[in-house]
Amino acid sequence: MMNEFDVKKEICEIGRRIYQAGFVAANDGNISVRMGNGHFLCTPTGVSKGFLKPADIAVVDTNGKQIGGDKPRTSEIMLHLEIFQELDWVNAVVHAHPPHATAFAVAGVNVPSCILPEVEIFIGQVPLADYDTPGSKDFAETILPHLRNKANTILLANHGAVACDSTLEQAYFHMETLDMYCRILLLSKEI
């Protein structure tokens, strides 16, 4: 079983990475990890991911009810829980607003496939989920068809992206790869 404090430290480290990479601004984004026994760790609302401390991390149950932590859980925990419920092999979720990828989501343009081998191998198809109000159950359910189609990285219309995998670092790497890929696509259009 994972040590809760170590996982909290890892969430803080990934939070710093997404903040330093410019994938989030101010208090944007959220991160979660499945701990087992129906418990999940998640980032709090209203706290910059670049300055998280282990004490900031909230604990929620399978319904999203906060059962631990002094700061209120992320308002978008239902999105994360939908992923954990649908894919039992997933242990970590990262949601951010990486600028190049989010540009595709805002424009309503699907990310093309079969261009860079690394993207095909590690991410595969990157679908675009329909828009709904962030934080709602309906919003969380917009990703279900894409999860069922084996997507591990999904653009959220007018909102950003969400990535998941068996480890937190791997979920973060999907986000990093996605934004680099979208940046390359945008630069190639300029050429």
N, C-alpha and C. Protein backbone atom coordinates (compact mmCIF):
# COMPACT_ATOMS: atom_id res chain seq x y z
N MET A 1 0.84 -1.19 0.00
CA MET A 1 0.00 0.00 0.00
C MET A 1 0.88 1.25 0.00
N MET A 2 0.42 2.29 -0.69
CA MET A 2 1.20 3.51 -0.82
C MET A 2 1.16 4.31 0.49
N ASN A 3 2.28 4.94 0.79
CA ASN A 3 2.37 5.82 1.95
C ASN A 3 1.68 7.14 1.60
N GLU A 4 0.66 7.51 2.37
CA GLU A 4 -0.14 8.69 2.04
C GLU A 4 0.69 9.97 1.99
N PHE A 5 1.60 10.15 2.94
CA PHE A 5 2.41 11.36 2.95
C PHE A 5 3.30 11.44 1.71
N ASP A 6 3.88 10.31 1.31
CA ASP A 6 4.72 10.30 0.11
C ASP A 6 3.91 10.65 -1.14
N VAL A 7 2.69 10.14 -1.21
CA VAL A 7 1.82 10.45 -2.36
C VAL A 7 1.46 11.94 -2.35
N LYS A 8 1.19 12.48 -1.19
CA LYS A 8 0.91 13.92 -1.09
C LYS A 8 2.10 14.74 -1.58
N LYS A 9 3.31 14.32 -1.22
CA LYS A 9 4.52 15.03 -1.69
C LYS A 9 4.63 14.93 -3.21
N GLU A 10 4.31 13.76 -3.77
CA GLU A 10 4.37 13.59 -5.22
C GLU A 10 3.34 14.48 -5.92
N ILE A 11 2.14 14.59 -5.35
CA ILE A 11 1.12 15.48 -5.92
C ILE A 11 1.65 16.91 -5.93
N CYS A 12 2.31 17.33 -4.85
CA CYS A 12 2.88 18.68 -4.79
C CYS A 12 3.95 18.87 -5.86
N GLU A 13 4.78 17.86 -6.07
CA GLU A 13 5.83 17.94 -7.09
C GLU A 13 5.23 18.06 -8.49
N ILE A 14 4.23 17.25 -8.79
CA ILE A 14 3.58 17.34 -10.11
C ILE A 14 2.87 18.68 -10.24
N GLY A 15 2.28 19.18 -9.17
CA GLY A 15 1.68 20.51 -9.18
C GLY A 15 2.70 21.58 -9.56
N ARG A 16 3.90 21.47 -8.98
CA ARG A 16 4.97 22.43 -9.33
C ARG A 16 5.33 22.32 -10.80
N ARG A 17 5.41 21.09 -11.30
CA ARG A 17 5.77 20.89 -12.71
C ARG A 17 4.73 21.52 -13.65
N ILE A 18 3.44 21.28 -13.39
CA ILE A 18 2.43 21.84 -14.31
C ILE A 18 2.38 23.36 -14.21
N TYR A 19 2.69 23.89 -13.02
CA TYR A 19 2.72 25.35 -12.86
C TYR A 19 3.94 25.94 -13.59
N GLN A 20 5.11 25.34 -13.38
CA GLN A 20 6.33 25.85 -14.01
C GLN A 20 6.30 25.68 -15.53
N ALA A 21 5.61 24.67 -16.02
CA ALA A 21 5.50 24.47 -17.47
C ALA A 21 4.50 25.44 -18.10
N GLY A 22 3.76 26.17 -17.27
CA GLY A 22 2.76 27.08 -17.80
C GLY A 22 1.47 26.39 -18.21
N PHE A 23 1.25 25.19 -17.69
CA PHE A 23 0.03 24.45 -18.02
C PHE A 23 -1.15 24.91 -17.18
N VAL A 24 -0.87 25.65 -16.12
CA VAL A 24 -1.90 26.24 -15.26
C VAL A 24 -1.45 27.63 -14.86
N ALA A 25 -2.41 28.47 -14.55
CA ALA A 25 -2.14 29.81 -14.03
C ALA A 25 -2.94 29.97 -12.74
N ALA A 26 -2.45 30.82 -11.86
CA ALA A 26 -3.16 31.10 -10.62
C ALA A 26 -3.55 29.80 -9.93
N ASN A 27 -4.85 29.56 -9.74
CA ASN A 27 -5.33 28.38 -9.01
C ASN A 27 -5.89 27.30 -9.92
N ASP A 28 -5.62 27.38 -11.22
CA ASP A 28 -6.15 26.43 -12.19
C ASP A 28 -5.67 25.00 -11.93
N GLY A 29 -6.37 24.07 -12.55
CA GLY A 29 -5.96 22.67 -12.61
C GLY A 29 -6.25 21.90 -11.34
N ASN A 30 -6.12 20.58 -11.44
CA ASN A 30 -6.29 19.71 -10.30
C ASN A 30 -5.66 18.36 -10.56
N ILE A 31 -5.33 17.69 -9.47
CA ILE A 31 -4.61 16.42 -9.52
C ILE A 31 -5.26 15.49 -8.50
N SER A 32 -5.33 14.20 -8.84
CA SER A 32 -5.85 13.23 -7.88
C SER A 32 -5.14 11.89 -8.02
N VAL A 33 -5.17 11.13 -6.93
CA VAL A 33 -4.55 9.80 -6.90
C VAL A 33 -5.46 8.85 -6.13
N ARG A 34 -5.65 7.65 -6.68
CA ARG A 34 -6.42 6.60 -6.01
C ARG A 34 -5.55 5.98 -4.92
N MET A 35 -6.07 5.93 -3.70
CA MET A 35 -5.31 5.37 -2.59
C MET A 35 -5.79 3.96 -2.20
N GLY A 36 -6.92 3.53 -2.67
CA GLY A 36 -7.47 2.25 -2.27
C GLY A 36 -8.50 2.43 -1.16
N ASN A 37 -9.24 1.38 -0.87
CA ASN A 37 -10.29 1.41 0.15
C ASN A 37 -11.29 2.53 -0.07
N GLY A 38 -11.51 2.90 -1.34
CA GLY A 38 -12.49 3.94 -1.65
C GLY A 38 -12.05 5.34 -1.28
N HIS A 39 -10.75 5.55 -1.10
CA HIS A 39 -10.23 6.88 -0.77
C HIS A 39 -9.35 7.41 -1.90
N PHE A 40 -9.44 8.73 -2.09
CA PHE A 40 -8.67 9.40 -3.13
C PHE A 40 -8.07 10.67 -2.54
N LEU A 41 -6.84 10.96 -2.91
CA LEU A 41 -6.22 12.23 -2.56
C LEU A 41 -6.44 13.18 -3.71
N CYS A 42 -6.69 14.45 -3.41
CA CYS A 42 -6.85 15.43 -4.48
C CYS A 42 -6.40 16.82 -4.03
N THR A 43 -6.08 17.63 -5.00
CA THR A 43 -5.67 18.99 -4.71
C THR A 43 -6.87 19.80 -4.22
N PRO A 44 -6.60 20.83 -3.43
CA PRO A 44 -7.69 21.68 -2.94
C PRO A 44 -8.08 22.73 -3.97
N THR A 45 -9.22 23.33 -3.77
CA THR A 45 -9.65 24.44 -4.61
C THR A 45 -9.00 25.72 -4.09
N GLY A 46 -8.76 26.65 -4.98
CA GLY A 46 -8.28 27.96 -4.58
C GLY A 46 -6.83 28.02 -4.15
N VAL A 47 -6.02 27.01 -4.49
CA VAL A 47 -4.60 27.01 -4.13
C VAL A 47 -3.79 26.78 -5.40
N SER A 48 -2.78 27.61 -5.62
CA SER A 48 -1.92 27.47 -6.79
C SER A 48 -1.22 26.12 -6.75
N LYS A 49 -1.23 25.42 -7.86
CA LYS A 49 -0.57 24.12 -7.93
C LYS A 49 0.95 24.26 -7.81
N GLY A 50 1.48 25.44 -8.05
CA GLY A 50 2.92 25.66 -7.93
C GLY A 50 3.40 25.81 -6.51
N PHE A 51 2.49 25.95 -5.57
CA PHE A 51 2.89 26.22 -4.19
C PHE A 51 2.19 25.31 -3.19
N LEU A 52 1.82 24.13 -3.63
CA LEU A 52 1.14 23.17 -2.75
C LEU A 52 2.07 22.64 -1.67
N LYS A 53 1.49 22.33 -0.53
CA LYS A 53 2.19 21.64 0.54
C LYS A 53 1.40 20.36 0.85
N PRO A 54 2.07 19.30 1.33
CA PRO A 54 1.35 18.07 1.63
C PRO A 54 0.12 18.28 2.52
N ALA A 55 0.20 19.23 3.43
CA ALA A 55 -0.94 19.48 4.34
C ALA A 55 -2.15 20.05 3.60
N ASP A 56 -1.95 20.57 2.37
CA ASP A 56 -3.04 21.15 1.59
C ASP A 56 -3.93 20.08 0.94
N ILE A 57 -3.41 18.88 0.77
CA ILE A 57 -4.09 17.85 -0.02
C ILE A 57 -5.31 17.31 0.74
N ALA A 58 -6.42 17.22 0.02
CA ALA A 58 -7.69 16.73 0.59
C ALA A 58 -7.84 15.24 0.34
N VAL A 59 -8.69 14.60 1.14
CA VAL A 59 -9.04 13.20 0.97
C VAL A 59 -10.54 13.14 0.73
N VAL A 60 -10.96 12.39 -0.30
CA VAL A 60 -12.38 12.24 -0.60
C VAL A 60 -12.73 10.77 -0.74
N ASP A 61 -14.04 10.49 -0.63
CA ASP A 61 -14.50 9.12 -0.84
C ASP A 61 -15.00 8.96 -2.28
N THR A 62 -15.56 7.80 -2.60
CA THR A 62 -15.99 7.52 -3.97
C THR A 62 -17.13 8.41 -4.46
N ASN A 63 -17.80 9.10 -3.55
CA ASN A 63 -18.88 10.02 -3.92
C ASN A 63 -18.41 11.47 -4.01
N GLY A 64 -17.13 11.70 -3.73
CA GLY A 64 -16.61 13.06 -3.77
C GLY A 64 -16.74 13.80 -2.45
N LYS A 65 -17.26 13.12 -1.44
CA LYS A 65 -17.40 13.75 -0.12
C LYS A 65 -16.03 13.85 0.53
N GLN A 66 -15.70 15.05 1.01
CA GLN A 66 -14.41 15.24 1.65
C GLN A 66 -14.40 14.60 3.03
N ILE A 67 -13.39 13.75 3.25
CA ILE A 67 -13.29 13.04 4.52
C ILE A 67 -11.96 13.34 5.23
N GLY A 68 -11.15 14.20 4.63
CA GLY A 68 -9.88 14.57 5.26
C GLY A 68 -9.30 15.81 4.62
N GLY A 69 -8.47 16.50 5.37
CA GLY A 69 -7.82 17.71 4.88
C GLY A 69 -8.55 18.96 5.35
N ASP A 70 -7.77 20.01 5.58
CA ASP A 70 -8.33 21.26 6.10
C ASP A 70 -8.86 22.18 5.00
N LYS A 71 -8.33 22.04 3.79
CA LYS A 71 -8.77 22.91 2.69
C LYS A 71 -9.79 22.18 1.85
N PRO A 72 -10.79 22.91 1.32
CA PRO A 72 -11.84 22.26 0.51
C PRO A 72 -11.26 21.60 -0.75
N ARG A 73 -11.78 20.44 -1.06
CA ARG A 73 -11.34 19.68 -2.24
C ARG A 73 -11.60 20.46 -3.52
N THR A 74 -10.94 20.05 -4.60
CA THR A 74 -11.19 20.64 -5.91
C THR A 74 -12.67 20.53 -6.27
N SER A 75 -13.18 21.55 -6.92
CA SER A 75 -14.58 21.54 -7.35
C SER A 75 -14.81 20.58 -8.51
N GLU A 76 -13.73 20.09 -9.13
CA GLU A 76 -13.86 19.21 -10.29
C GLU A 76 -13.55 17.76 -9.97
N ILE A 77 -13.68 17.37 -8.70
CA ILE A 77 -13.37 16.00 -8.31
C ILE A 77 -14.26 14.98 -9.02
N MET A 78 -15.48 15.37 -9.40
CA MET A 78 -16.37 14.41 -10.07
C MET A 78 -15.79 13.92 -11.39
N LEU A 79 -15.08 14.80 -12.10
CA LEU A 79 -14.41 14.40 -13.35
C LEU A 79 -13.41 13.28 -13.05
N HIS A 80 -12.61 13.47 -12.02
CA HIS A 80 -11.60 12.48 -11.65
C HIS A 80 -12.25 11.17 -11.23
N LEU A 81 -13.28 11.26 -10.41
CA LEU A 81 -13.94 10.06 -9.92
C LEU A 81 -14.60 9.27 -11.05
N GLU A 82 -15.09 9.98 -12.05
CA GLU A 82 -15.68 9.31 -13.22
C GLU A 82 -14.62 8.46 -13.91
N ILE A 83 -13.42 8.99 -14.02
CA ILE A 83 -12.31 8.24 -14.63
C ILE A 83 -11.96 7.03 -13.78
N PHE A 84 -11.79 7.24 -12.47
CA PHE A 84 -11.43 6.12 -11.59
C PHE A 84 -12.49 5.02 -11.61
N GLN A 85 -13.76 5.42 -11.68
CA GLN A 85 -14.84 4.44 -11.70
C GLN A 85 -14.85 3.66 -13.01
N GLU A 86 -14.59 4.34 -14.09
CA GLU A 86 -14.66 3.71 -15.42
C GLU A 86 -13.44 2.83 -15.70
N LEU A 87 -12.27 3.25 -15.24
CA LEU A 87 -11.02 2.54 -15.57
C LEU A 87 -10.32 2.10 -14.28
N ASP A 88 -10.49 0.84 -13.92
CA ASP A 88 -9.94 0.39 -12.65
C ASP A 88 -8.42 0.31 -12.62
N TRP A 89 -7.77 0.37 -13.78
CA TRP A 89 -6.30 0.35 -13.83
C TRP A 89 -5.69 1.74 -13.63
N VAL A 90 -6.52 2.78 -13.70
CA VAL A 90 -6.03 4.15 -13.54
C VAL A 90 -5.90 4.48 -12.05
N ASN A 91 -4.75 5.02 -11.68
CA ASN A 91 -4.49 5.41 -10.30
C ASN A 91 -4.23 6.90 -10.14
N ALA A 92 -4.15 7.64 -11.27
CA ALA A 92 -3.82 9.06 -11.17
C ALA A 92 -4.45 9.84 -12.33
N VAL A 93 -4.87 11.08 -12.01
CA VAL A 93 -5.49 11.96 -13.01
C VAL A 93 -4.88 13.35 -12.85
N VAL A 94 -4.56 13.96 -13.99
CA VAL A 94 -4.07 15.34 -14.02
C VAL A 94 -4.97 16.13 -14.96
N HIS A 95 -5.50 17.24 -14.46
CA HIS A 95 -6.28 18.16 -15.30
C HIS A 95 -5.57 19.51 -15.29
N ALA A 96 -5.35 20.05 -16.49
CA ALA A 96 -4.66 21.34 -16.62
C ALA A 96 -5.17 22.05 -17.86
N HIS A 97 -4.60 23.22 -18.10
CA HIS A 97 -4.97 24.03 -19.26
C HIS A 97 -3.72 24.34 -20.09
N PRO A 98 -3.03 23.31 -20.59
CA PRO A 98 -1.82 23.57 -21.38
C PRO A 98 -2.20 24.41 -22.60
N PRO A 99 -1.53 25.56 -22.80
CA PRO A 99 -2.00 26.55 -23.78
C PRO A 99 -2.16 26.05 -25.21
N HIS A 100 -1.19 25.29 -25.71
CA HIS A 100 -1.27 24.86 -27.11
C HIS A 100 -2.39 23.84 -27.31
N ALA A 101 -2.52 22.92 -26.38
CA ALA A 101 -3.59 21.93 -26.46
C ALA A 101 -4.95 22.58 -26.22
N THR A 102 -4.99 23.51 -25.28
CA THR A 102 -6.25 24.18 -24.97
C THR A 102 -6.71 25.03 -26.15
N ALA A 103 -5.77 25.52 -26.94
CA ALA A 103 -6.14 26.27 -28.15
C ALA A 103 -6.98 25.39 -29.09
N PHE A 104 -6.59 24.13 -29.22
CA PHE A 104 -7.38 23.20 -30.04
C PHE A 104 -8.77 23.02 -29.41
N ALA A 105 -8.81 22.88 -28.08
CA ALA A 105 -10.09 22.67 -27.39
C ALA A 105 -11.01 23.88 -27.53
N VAL A 106 -10.45 25.09 -27.47
CA VAL A 106 -11.24 26.31 -27.61
C VAL A 106 -11.72 26.48 -29.05
N ALA A 107 -10.87 26.14 -29.99
CA ALA A 107 -11.23 26.27 -31.41
C ALA A 107 -12.18 25.16 -31.85
N GLY A 108 -12.33 24.12 -31.02
CA GLY A 108 -13.19 22.99 -31.39
C GLY A 108 -12.59 22.15 -32.50
N VAL A 109 -11.26 22.12 -32.54
CA VAL A 109 -10.55 21.38 -33.59
C VAL A 109 -9.97 20.10 -33.00
N ASN A 110 -10.25 18.98 -33.65
CA ASN A 110 -9.69 17.72 -33.20
C ASN A 110 -8.18 17.69 -33.44
N VAL A 111 -7.45 17.13 -32.51
CA VAL A 111 -6.01 16.97 -32.65
C VAL A 111 -5.77 15.84 -33.66
N PRO A 112 -5.05 16.13 -34.75
CA PRO A 112 -4.82 15.09 -35.75
C PRO A 112 -3.95 13.96 -35.20
N SER A 113 -4.11 12.79 -35.76
CA SER A 113 -3.31 11.64 -35.32
C SER A 113 -2.38 11.20 -36.45
N CYS A 114 -1.57 10.22 -36.15
CA CYS A 114 -0.65 9.61 -37.11
C CYS A 114 0.37 10.60 -37.66
N ILE A 115 0.90 11.45 -36.80
CA ILE A 115 1.92 12.40 -37.23
C ILE A 115 3.24 12.16 -36.49
N LEU A 116 3.23 12.19 -35.17
CA LEU A 116 4.45 11.94 -34.39
C LEU A 116 4.37 10.56 -33.73
N PRO A 117 5.39 9.72 -33.94
CA PRO A 117 5.34 8.37 -33.38
C PRO A 117 5.19 8.33 -31.87
N GLU A 118 5.87 9.24 -31.14
CA GLU A 118 5.79 9.23 -29.68
C GLU A 118 4.37 9.44 -29.20
N VAL A 119 3.64 10.29 -29.88
CA VAL A 119 2.25 10.55 -29.51
C VAL A 119 1.40 9.32 -29.77
N GLU A 120 1.62 8.67 -30.88
CA GLU A 120 0.86 7.46 -31.21
C GLU A 120 1.11 6.36 -30.20
N ILE A 121 2.37 6.22 -29.77
CA ILE A 121 2.73 5.15 -28.84
C ILE A 121 2.22 5.42 -27.43
N PHE A 122 2.43 6.63 -26.93
CA PHE A 122 2.16 6.91 -25.52
C PHE A 122 0.77 7.49 -25.24
N ILE A 123 0.21 8.18 -26.21
CA ILE A 123 -1.11 8.78 -25.98
C ILE A 123 -2.16 8.15 -26.89
N GLY A 124 -1.86 8.05 -28.17
CA GLY A 124 -2.85 7.58 -29.13
C GLY A 124 -3.79 8.70 -29.52
N GLN A 125 -4.99 8.36 -29.89
CA GLN A 125 -6.00 9.34 -30.29
C GLN A 125 -6.33 10.27 -29.13
N VAL A 126 -6.42 11.58 -29.42
CA VAL A 126 -6.80 12.56 -28.40
C VAL A 126 -8.16 13.13 -28.79
N PRO A 127 -9.23 12.61 -28.19
CA PRO A 127 -10.57 13.09 -28.55
C PRO A 127 -10.90 14.43 -27.89
N LEU A 128 -11.95 15.05 -28.38
CA LEU A 128 -12.44 16.32 -27.85
C LEU A 128 -13.82 16.07 -27.23
N ALA A 129 -13.91 16.20 -25.91
CA ALA A 129 -15.19 16.00 -25.22
C ALA A 129 -16.08 17.22 -25.39
N ASP A 130 -17.37 17.01 -25.39
CA ASP A 130 -18.33 18.10 -25.50
C ASP A 130 -18.22 19.03 -24.30
N TYR A 131 -18.65 20.26 -24.48
CA TYR A 131 -18.62 21.23 -23.39
C TYR A 131 -19.78 21.01 -22.42
N ASP A 132 -19.48 21.19 -21.14
CA ASP A 132 -20.49 21.29 -20.10
C ASP A 132 -19.87 22.10 -18.97
N THR A 133 -20.69 22.56 -18.05
CA THR A 133 -20.21 23.39 -16.95
C THR A 133 -19.24 22.61 -16.07
N PRO A 134 -17.99 23.08 -15.93
CA PRO A 134 -17.03 22.38 -15.08
C PRO A 134 -17.54 22.23 -13.65
N GLY A 135 -17.25 21.06 -13.08
CA GLY A 135 -17.64 20.77 -11.71
C GLY A 135 -18.93 19.99 -11.59
N SER A 136 -19.71 19.95 -12.66
CA SER A 136 -21.00 19.25 -12.60
C SER A 136 -20.84 17.77 -12.95
N LYS A 137 -21.83 16.97 -12.58
CA LYS A 137 -21.85 15.55 -12.93
C LYS A 137 -21.95 15.39 -14.45
N ASP A 138 -22.75 16.26 -15.10
CA ASP A 138 -22.88 16.20 -16.56
C ASP A 138 -21.52 16.46 -17.22
N PHE A 139 -20.77 17.42 -16.67
CA PHE A 139 -19.43 17.70 -17.19
C PHE A 139 -18.56 16.45 -17.08
N ALA A 140 -18.58 15.82 -15.93
CA ALA A 140 -17.76 14.62 -15.71
C ALA A 140 -18.12 13.52 -16.71
N GLU A 141 -19.39 13.40 -17.04
CA GLU A 141 -19.84 12.33 -17.94
C GLU A 141 -19.50 12.59 -19.41
N THR A 142 -19.08 13.81 -19.76
CA THR A 142 -18.74 14.09 -21.17
C THR A 142 -17.56 13.26 -21.65
N ILE A 143 -16.75 12.78 -20.72
CA ILE A 143 -15.55 12.02 -21.13
C ILE A 143 -15.80 10.52 -21.24
N LEU A 144 -16.94 10.05 -20.74
CA LEU A 144 -17.20 8.61 -20.72
C LEU A 144 -17.04 7.91 -22.07
N PRO A 145 -17.62 8.42 -23.15
CA PRO A 145 -17.45 7.70 -24.42
C PRO A 145 -15.99 7.59 -24.84
N HIS A 146 -15.20 8.57 -24.48
CA HIS A 146 -13.79 8.57 -24.88
C HIS A 146 -12.97 7.61 -24.01
N LEU A 147 -13.30 7.54 -22.73
CA LEU A 147 -12.64 6.56 -21.87
C LEU A 147 -12.96 5.15 -22.35
N ARG A 148 -14.20 4.93 -22.73
CA ARG A 148 -14.62 3.61 -23.21
C ARG A 148 -13.98 3.26 -24.55
N ASN A 149 -13.50 4.29 -25.24
CA ASN A 149 -12.80 4.08 -26.51
C ASN A 149 -11.28 4.06 -26.30
N LYS A 150 -10.86 3.86 -25.05
CA LYS A 150 -9.46 3.66 -24.65
C LYS A 150 -8.60 4.93 -24.65
N ALA A 151 -9.19 6.11 -24.58
CA ALA A 151 -8.41 7.34 -24.51
C ALA A 151 -7.83 7.52 -23.10
N ASN A 152 -6.55 7.93 -23.04
CA ASN A 152 -5.95 8.25 -21.74
C ASN A 152 -5.69 9.76 -21.60
N THR A 153 -5.93 10.48 -22.68
CA THR A 153 -5.75 11.93 -22.69
C THR A 153 -6.89 12.52 -23.52
N ILE A 154 -7.63 13.47 -22.93
CA ILE A 154 -8.84 13.98 -23.57
C ILE A 154 -8.84 15.50 -23.49
N LEU A 155 -9.14 16.15 -24.61
CA LEU A 155 -9.36 17.59 -24.59
C LEU A 155 -10.78 17.85 -24.09
N LEU A 156 -10.93 18.90 -23.30
CA LEU A 156 -12.23 19.30 -22.78
C LEU A 156 -12.61 20.60 -23.47
N ALA A 157 -13.68 20.58 -24.24
CA ALA A 157 -14.07 21.74 -25.04
C ALA A 157 -14.09 23.01 -24.18
N ASN A 158 -13.44 24.06 -24.69
CA ASN A 158 -13.38 25.37 -24.02
C ASN A 158 -12.83 25.31 -22.61
N HIS A 159 -12.01 24.30 -22.30
CA HIS A 159 -11.63 24.14 -20.91
C HIS A 159 -10.18 23.71 -20.67
N GLY A 160 -9.65 22.80 -21.44
CA GLY A 160 -8.30 22.31 -21.17
C GLY A 160 -8.19 20.85 -21.55
N ALA A 161 -7.48 20.09 -20.72
CA ALA A 161 -7.26 18.68 -21.01
C ALA A 161 -7.22 17.90 -19.71
N VAL A 162 -7.48 16.60 -19.82
CA VAL A 162 -7.35 15.70 -18.68
C VAL A 162 -6.59 14.47 -19.16
N ALA A 163 -5.67 14.00 -18.31
CA ALA A 163 -4.87 12.82 -18.65
C ALA A 163 -4.87 11.88 -17.46
N CYS A 164 -4.82 10.58 -17.75
CA CYS A 164 -4.84 9.60 -16.68
C CYS A 164 -3.92 8.44 -17.01
N ASP A 165 -3.46 7.77 -15.96
CA ASP A 165 -2.63 6.58 -16.16
C ASP A 165 -2.48 5.85 -14.83
N SER A 166 -1.67 4.81 -14.84
CA SER A 166 -1.48 4.01 -13.62
C SER A 166 -0.61 4.73 -12.60
N THR A 167 0.23 5.67 -13.05
CA THR A 167 1.05 6.45 -12.12
C THR A 167 0.83 7.94 -12.37
N LEU A 168 1.09 8.72 -11.34
CA LEU A 168 0.92 10.17 -11.45
C LEU A 168 1.92 10.77 -12.43
N GLU A 169 3.15 10.30 -12.38
CA GLU A 169 4.15 10.84 -13.30
C GLU A 169 3.76 10.56 -14.75
N GLN A 170 3.25 9.36 -15.02
CA GLN A 170 2.86 9.02 -16.39
C GLN A 170 1.68 9.88 -16.85
N ALA A 171 0.72 10.13 -15.98
CA ALA A 171 -0.40 11.01 -16.33
C ALA A 171 0.11 12.41 -16.66
N TYR A 172 1.06 12.89 -15.85
CA TYR A 172 1.68 14.20 -16.14
C TYR A 172 2.40 14.17 -17.49
N PHE A 173 3.15 13.10 -17.76
CA PHE A 173 3.87 13.01 -19.03
C PHE A 173 2.92 13.08 -20.22
N HIS A 174 1.72 12.49 -20.09
CA HIS A 174 0.74 12.60 -21.18
C HIS A 174 0.39 14.06 -21.45
N MET A 175 0.22 14.82 -20.37
CA MET A 175 -0.12 16.24 -20.50
C MET A 175 1.03 17.00 -21.17
N GLU A 176 2.23 16.71 -20.76
CA GLU A 176 3.42 17.36 -21.32
C GLU A 176 3.57 17.01 -22.81
N THR A 177 3.41 15.74 -23.13
CA THR A 177 3.50 15.29 -24.52
C THR A 177 2.42 15.93 -25.38
N LEU A 178 1.20 15.98 -24.85
CA LEU A 178 0.09 16.58 -25.58
C LEU A 178 0.39 18.03 -25.94
N ASP A 179 0.84 18.81 -24.97
CA ASP A 179 1.06 20.23 -25.26
C ASP A 179 2.21 20.43 -26.23
N MET A 180 3.28 19.65 -26.10
CA MET A 180 4.39 19.75 -27.05
C MET A 180 3.92 19.38 -28.46
N TYR A 181 3.12 18.33 -28.55
CA TYR A 181 2.59 17.91 -29.84
C TYR A 181 1.74 19.01 -30.48
N CYS A 182 0.85 19.59 -29.70
CA CYS A 182 -0.01 20.66 -30.23
C CYS A 182 0.81 21.88 -30.63
N ARG A 183 1.86 22.15 -29.87
CA ARG A 183 2.75 23.26 -30.23
C ARG A 183 3.44 22.99 -31.56
N ILE A 184 3.93 21.77 -31.74
CA ILE A 184 4.57 21.39 -33.01
C ILE A 184 3.57 21.49 -34.16
N LEU A 185 2.34 21.04 -33.94
CA LEU A 185 1.32 21.14 -35.00
C LEU A 185 1.07 22.59 -35.39
N LEU A 186 0.95 23.47 -34.39
CA LEU A 186 0.70 24.89 -34.67
C LEU A 186 1.90 25.52 -35.39
N LEU A 187 3.12 25.18 -34.97
CA LEU A 187 4.31 25.71 -35.64
C LEU A 187 4.40 25.19 -37.07
N SER A 188 4.06 23.93 -37.28
CA SER A 188 4.14 23.37 -38.64
C SER A 188 3.16 24.05 -39.58
N LYS A 189 2.01 24.49 -39.07
CA LYS A 189 1.05 25.22 -39.91
C LYS A 189 1.62 26.58 -40.33
N GLU A 190 2.41 27.19 -39.45
CA GLU A 190 3.04 28.47 -39.79
C GLU A 190 4.07 28.32 -40.89
N ILE A 191 4.78 27.19 -40.87
CA ILE A 191 5.82 26.95 -41.89
C ILE A 191 5.16 26.70 -43.24
